[in-house]
Amino acid sequence: MANPLFRKLSDANTLNDADRDILDKVIARQRTVAARRDVISAGDRPKDVHLVIEGFACRYKLLPDGQRQIVAILVPGDFCDLHVAILGEMDHGIATLSNCTIVEIPPATVDDLTMNHPRITRSLWWATLVDEAILREWVTNLGRRPADRHIAHLMCELYLRLKAVGLVIDHTFELPLTQQELADAIGISIVHANRMLSDLRDRGLVTFQGRRVRIADFDALMAFADFDPAYLHLVPRTENGLQRDLADRGSH
């Protein structure tokens, strides 16, 4: 597939062919990680920055009784933690949810990008701020939204994030999460998750086809979830302060 990092960062700022060449070199150091494996564990001393090129991964916290809370879902083009090398040790784990292609980026490369390439630096700041905005929305979902709206909200979010990197085709996208993993992200039991998914299907809002999800009426799903895509910041500011119209990333 085309470089998802370049495609994602282009949404934040106008990048040129030279920037593309630089980012193509950044993703050259790739490795394959099987599904449901730790990329880096809590307590590890981080070294390289990890970037998802293909597949789905997650950030998670593990409780003493073995229960897991997924605190972020990572899709192609997402950094696991851009400035992780600053930390003395990991306070959370990064794991794959499907077979993944992962890029390992040395801290020196990140330093070079941020010191010598201002357009890319602006885009990296944007990516970091969007990660924080997504986390705020997840906290709101966990604390205030009913489970059915919470799951619908997550489907809307993933639809737009995957569409931004070209991974939605005919209103359909791959979602290789198990029901247990979805429950771990929502903070409910697997039985409750199964019931909520069935409810969304019965309402005609979401169709499940094996590992793929189809959303035929995105506007209806947004209304049900009370979803406002503003926190994804898909209409960024250009350097002169004007906004580029990225058009509707939903149903149109």
Protein backbone atom coordinates (compact mmCIF):
# COMPACT_ATOMS: atom_id res chain seq x y z
CA MET A 1 0.00 0.00 0.00
CA ALA A 2 1.02 3.63 -0.37
CA ASN A 3 2.84 5.18 2.57
CA PRO A 4 0.02 5.67 5.13
CA LEU A 5 2.19 7.99 7.21
CA PHE A 6 2.55 10.42 4.31
CA ARG A 7 -1.16 10.21 3.57
CA LYS A 8 -2.10 10.85 7.19
CA LEU A 9 0.35 13.71 7.72
CA SER A 10 -0.74 15.31 4.44
CA ASP A 11 -4.13 15.86 6.06
CA ALA A 12 -2.45 18.12 8.59
CA ASN A 13 -0.32 20.21 6.27
CA THR A 14 0.60 20.55 2.60
CA LEU A 15 3.55 18.21 2.09
CA ASN A 16 5.55 18.12 -1.12
CA ASP A 17 7.43 15.45 -3.07
CA ALA A 18 10.60 16.03 -1.04
CA ASP A 19 8.64 15.40 2.15
CA ARG A 20 7.24 12.22 0.61
CA ASP A 21 10.76 10.99 -0.19
CA ILE A 22 11.86 11.66 3.39
CA LEU A 23 8.86 9.83 4.87
CA ASP A 24 9.36 6.92 2.47
CA LYS A 25 12.86 6.52 3.92
CA VAL A 26 11.44 6.72 7.46
CA ILE A 27 9.26 3.63 6.88
CA ALA A 28 12.03 1.55 5.29
CA ARG A 29 12.88 -0.37 8.50
CA GLN A 30 9.87 -2.69 8.75
CA ARG A 31 9.11 -5.94 10.49
CA THR A 32 6.10 -8.23 10.65
CA VAL A 33 4.48 -8.94 14.01
CA ALA A 34 1.89 -11.70 14.36
CA ALA A 35 -1.56 -10.99 15.75
CA ARG A 36 -2.01 -10.58 19.51
CA ARG A 37 1.65 -10.15 20.36
CA ASP A 38 3.23 -7.42 22.43
CA VAL A 39 5.26 -4.92 20.43
CA ILE A 40 6.49 -3.42 23.70
CA SER A 41 5.35 -4.22 27.25
CA ALA A 42 4.74 -2.18 30.37
CA GLY A 43 8.02 -1.89 32.27
CA ASP A 44 10.18 -2.12 29.15
CA ARG A 45 12.73 0.61 28.54
CA PRO A 46 11.64 2.13 25.22
CA LYS A 47 14.15 2.69 22.49
CA ASP A 48 12.73 3.03 18.99
CA VAL A 49 9.47 4.72 18.06
CA HIS A 50 6.96 2.28 16.56
CA LEU A 51 4.69 3.09 13.63
CA VAL A 52 1.85 0.93 12.27
CA ILE A 53 2.05 0.50 8.49
CA GLU A 54 -0.43 -2.36 8.05
CA GLY A 55 -2.89 -3.97 10.45
CA PHE A 56 -4.42 -2.96 13.78
CA ALA A 57 -2.69 -2.53 17.13
CA CYS A 58 -3.64 -1.07 20.50
CA ARG A 59 -2.40 0.63 23.63
CA TYR A 60 -3.55 -1.14 26.78
CA LYS A 61 -3.34 -1.21 30.54
CA LEU A 62 -3.38 -4.52 32.42
CA LEU A 63 -4.93 -4.77 35.89
CA PRO A 64 -3.55 -7.05 38.65
CA ASP A 65 -6.48 -9.46 38.21
CA GLY A 66 -5.66 -9.89 34.51
CA GLN A 67 -8.39 -7.68 33.12
CA ARG A 68 -7.31 -5.45 30.24
CA GLN A 69 -8.46 -1.98 29.27
CA ILE A 70 -7.68 -1.00 25.70
CA VAL A 71 -7.06 2.75 25.75
CA ALA A 72 -6.38 3.33 22.04
CA ILE A 73 -6.79 1.51 18.74
CA LEU A 74 -3.96 2.12 16.28
CA VAL A 75 -4.48 1.91 12.52
CA PRO A 76 -2.08 2.30 9.57
CA GLY A 77 -0.25 5.62 9.74
CA ASP A 78 -0.45 5.82 13.55
CA PHE A 79 2.56 6.17 15.81
CA CYS A 80 2.39 3.95 18.87
CA ASP A 81 4.04 6.76 20.87
CA LEU A 82 5.92 9.46 18.97
CA HIS A 83 8.13 10.62 21.85
CA VAL A 84 8.31 7.33 23.74
CA ALA A 85 12.13 7.34 23.86
CA ILE A 86 11.94 10.19 26.38
CA LEU A 87 10.33 7.88 28.96
CA GLY A 88 12.42 5.89 31.42
CA GLU A 89 10.11 2.90 31.11
CA MET A 90 6.76 2.04 29.58
CA ASP A 91 3.68 2.58 31.77
CA HIS A 92 1.45 0.69 29.29
CA GLY A 93 1.73 -1.99 26.65
CA ILE A 94 1.44 -1.90 22.86
CA ALA A 95 0.02 -5.05 21.27
CA THR A 96 -1.08 -6.13 17.81
CA LEU A 97 -4.74 -6.95 17.21
CA SER A 98 -4.05 -8.46 13.78
CA ASN A 99 -0.99 -9.36 11.78
CA CYS A 100 0.87 -6.07 11.53
CA THR A 101 3.69 -4.45 9.66
CA ILE A 102 5.52 -2.26 12.14
CA VAL A 103 8.22 0.32 11.48
CA GLU A 104 10.92 0.90 14.10
CA ILE A 105 12.15 4.49 13.97
CA PRO A 106 15.32 5.45 15.87
CA PRO A 107 15.02 8.55 18.09
CA ALA A 108 17.74 10.22 16.00
CA THR A 109 15.44 10.04 12.97
CA VAL A 110 12.60 11.69 14.91
CA ASP A 111 15.06 14.39 16.05
CA ASP A 112 16.13 14.99 12.45
CA LEU A 113 12.53 15.31 11.29
CA THR A 114 11.63 17.80 14.00
CA MET A 115 14.81 19.87 13.66
CA ASN A 116 15.25 20.04 9.89
CA HIS A 117 11.87 19.59 8.21
CA PRO A 118 9.36 22.22 9.36
CA ARG A 119 6.38 21.03 7.29
CA ILE A 120 6.76 17.49 8.62
CA THR A 121 7.29 18.84 12.15
CA ARG A 122 4.00 20.74 11.96
CA SER A 123 2.26 17.56 10.83
CA LEU A 124 3.82 15.49 13.62
CA TRP A 125 2.59 18.02 16.19
CA TRP A 126 -0.85 17.72 14.64
CA ALA A 127 -0.74 13.91 14.93
CA THR A 128 0.24 14.16 18.61
CA LEU A 129 -2.55 16.63 19.36
CA VAL A 130 -5.11 14.46 17.56
CA ASP A 131 -4.00 11.46 19.66
CA GLU A 132 -4.69 13.53 22.78
CA ALA A 133 -8.08 14.62 21.42
CA ILE A 134 -9.03 11.00 20.71
CA LEU A 135 -8.03 10.02 24.24
CA ARG A 136 -10.25 12.78 25.66
CA GLU A 137 -13.16 11.50 23.60
CA TRP A 138 -12.53 7.94 24.78
CA VAL A 139 -12.57 9.10 28.41
CA THR A 140 -15.89 10.86 27.76
CA ASN A 141 -17.29 7.72 26.13
CA LEU A 142 -16.21 5.52 29.03
CA GLY A 143 -17.63 7.88 31.62
CA ARG A 144 -20.83 9.14 30.07
CA ARG A 145 -22.09 7.31 26.98
CA PRO A 146 -24.27 4.18 27.17
CA ALA A 147 -22.61 1.08 25.73
CA ASP A 148 -24.67 1.00 22.53
CA ARG A 149 -23.85 4.66 21.76
CA HIS A 150 -20.24 4.07 22.79
CA ILE A 151 -19.81 1.21 20.32
CA ALA A 152 -21.57 3.19 17.58
CA HIS A 153 -19.27 6.14 18.34
CA LEU A 154 -16.20 3.91 18.01
CA MET A 155 -17.48 2.60 14.65
CA CYS A 156 -17.87 6.18 13.41
CA GLU A 157 -14.38 7.08 14.58
CA LEU A 158 -12.71 4.06 12.98
CA TYR A 159 -14.64 4.63 9.76
CA LEU A 160 -13.27 8.17 9.43
CA ARG A 161 -9.73 7.36 10.56
CA LEU A 162 -9.50 4.46 8.11
CA LYS A 163 -11.09 6.52 5.34
CA ALA A 164 -8.39 9.16 5.88
CA VAL A 165 -5.71 6.60 4.90
CA GLY A 166 -7.68 5.04 2.06
CA LEU A 167 -8.90 1.90 3.83
CA VAL A 168 -12.65 2.34 3.41
CA ILE A 169 -14.07 0.92 0.19
CA ASP A 170 -17.78 1.10 -0.64
CA HIS A 171 -18.59 2.16 2.97
CA THR A 172 -16.83 -0.99 4.22
CA PHE A 173 -13.70 -1.45 6.31
CA GLU A 174 -11.82 -4.29 7.95
CA LEU A 175 -12.21 -4.64 11.72
CA PRO A 176 -10.22 -7.68 12.92
CA LEU A 177 -11.07 -7.22 16.61
CA THR A 178 -12.63 -10.08 18.54
CA GLN A 179 -15.71 -9.38 20.65
CA GLN A 180 -13.50 -9.66 23.74
CA GLU A 181 -11.15 -7.01 22.38
CA LEU A 182 -14.08 -4.76 21.56
CA ALA A 183 -15.38 -5.29 25.10
CA ASP A 184 -11.91 -4.40 26.45
CA ALA A 185 -12.04 -1.12 24.51
CA ILE A 186 -15.57 -0.24 25.63
CA GLY A 187 -15.10 -1.38 29.23
CA ILE A 188 -17.96 -3.91 29.30
CA SER A 189 -18.37 -7.69 29.40
CA ILE A 190 -18.18 -9.77 26.23
CA VAL A 191 -21.84 -10.76 26.72
CA HIS A 192 -22.85 -7.09 26.86
CA ALA A 193 -20.70 -6.29 23.82
CA ASN A 194 -22.34 -9.08 21.84
CA ARG A 195 -25.78 -7.77 22.76
CA MET A 196 -24.90 -4.20 21.78
CA LEU A 197 -23.49 -5.30 18.41
CA SER A 198 -26.66 -7.27 17.73
CA ASP A 199 -28.71 -4.18 18.57
CA LEU A 200 -26.75 -2.04 16.09
CA ARG A 201 -27.25 -4.69 13.43
CA ASP A 202 -30.99 -5.00 14.19
CA ARG A 203 -31.36 -1.21 13.88
CA GLY A 204 -29.85 -1.43 10.41
CA LEU A 205 -26.97 0.87 11.37
CA VAL A 206 -24.08 -1.57 10.92
CA THR A 207 -23.67 -4.78 8.94
CA PHE A 208 -21.00 -7.32 9.86
CA GLN A 209 -19.52 -9.51 7.14
CA GLY A 210 -16.93 -11.69 8.83
CA ARG A 211 -14.03 -9.37 9.70
CA ARG A 212 -15.52 -6.47 7.75
CA VAL A 213 -17.95 -3.76 8.81
CA ARG A 214 -20.30 -1.99 6.41
CA ILE A 215 -21.91 1.33 7.28
CA ALA A 216 -24.41 2.12 4.55
CA ASP A 217 -25.90 5.20 6.24
CA PHE A 218 -23.12 7.02 8.05
CA ASP A 219 -25.33 10.01 8.88
CA ALA A 220 -27.81 7.75 10.71
CA LEU A 221 -25.00 6.08 12.68
CA MET A 222 -23.57 9.49 13.61
CA ALA A 223 -26.97 10.65 14.83
CA PHE A 224 -27.46 7.53 16.93
CA ALA A 225 -23.98 7.83 18.46
CA ASP A 226 -24.20 11.60 18.97
CA PHE A 227 -20.93 11.66 17.05
CA ASP A 228 -19.21 14.96 16.27
CA PRO A 229 -16.07 14.36 14.16
CA ALA A 230 -14.51 17.70 15.18
CA TYR A 231 -12.10 16.00 17.63
CA LEU A 232 -10.45 14.14 14.74
CA HIS A 233 -9.44 17.50 13.23
CA LEU A 234 -9.82 16.37 9.65
CA VAL A 235 -10.11 19.96 8.43
CA PRO A 236 -6.71 21.31 9.52
CA ARG A 237 -5.33 24.82 9.22
CA THR A 238 -2.78 25.63 6.56
CA GLU A 239 0.30 27.68 7.39
CA ASN A 240 -1.46 30.94 6.44
CA GLY A 241 -4.24 30.23 8.94
CA LEU A 242 -6.92 29.30 6.41
CA GLN A 243 -8.65 25.95 6.43
CA ARG A 244 -8.51 23.44 3.63
CA ASP A 245 -11.85 21.85 2.89
CA LEU A 246 -11.23 18.12 2.98
CA ALA A 247 -14.90 17.51 2.14
CA ASP A 248 -17.15 15.18 4.02
CA ARG A 249 -15.26 12.07 5.13
CA GLY A 250 -18.45 10.33 5.99
CA SER A 251 -21.16 9.23 3.62
CA HIS A 252 -20.21 11.36 0.60
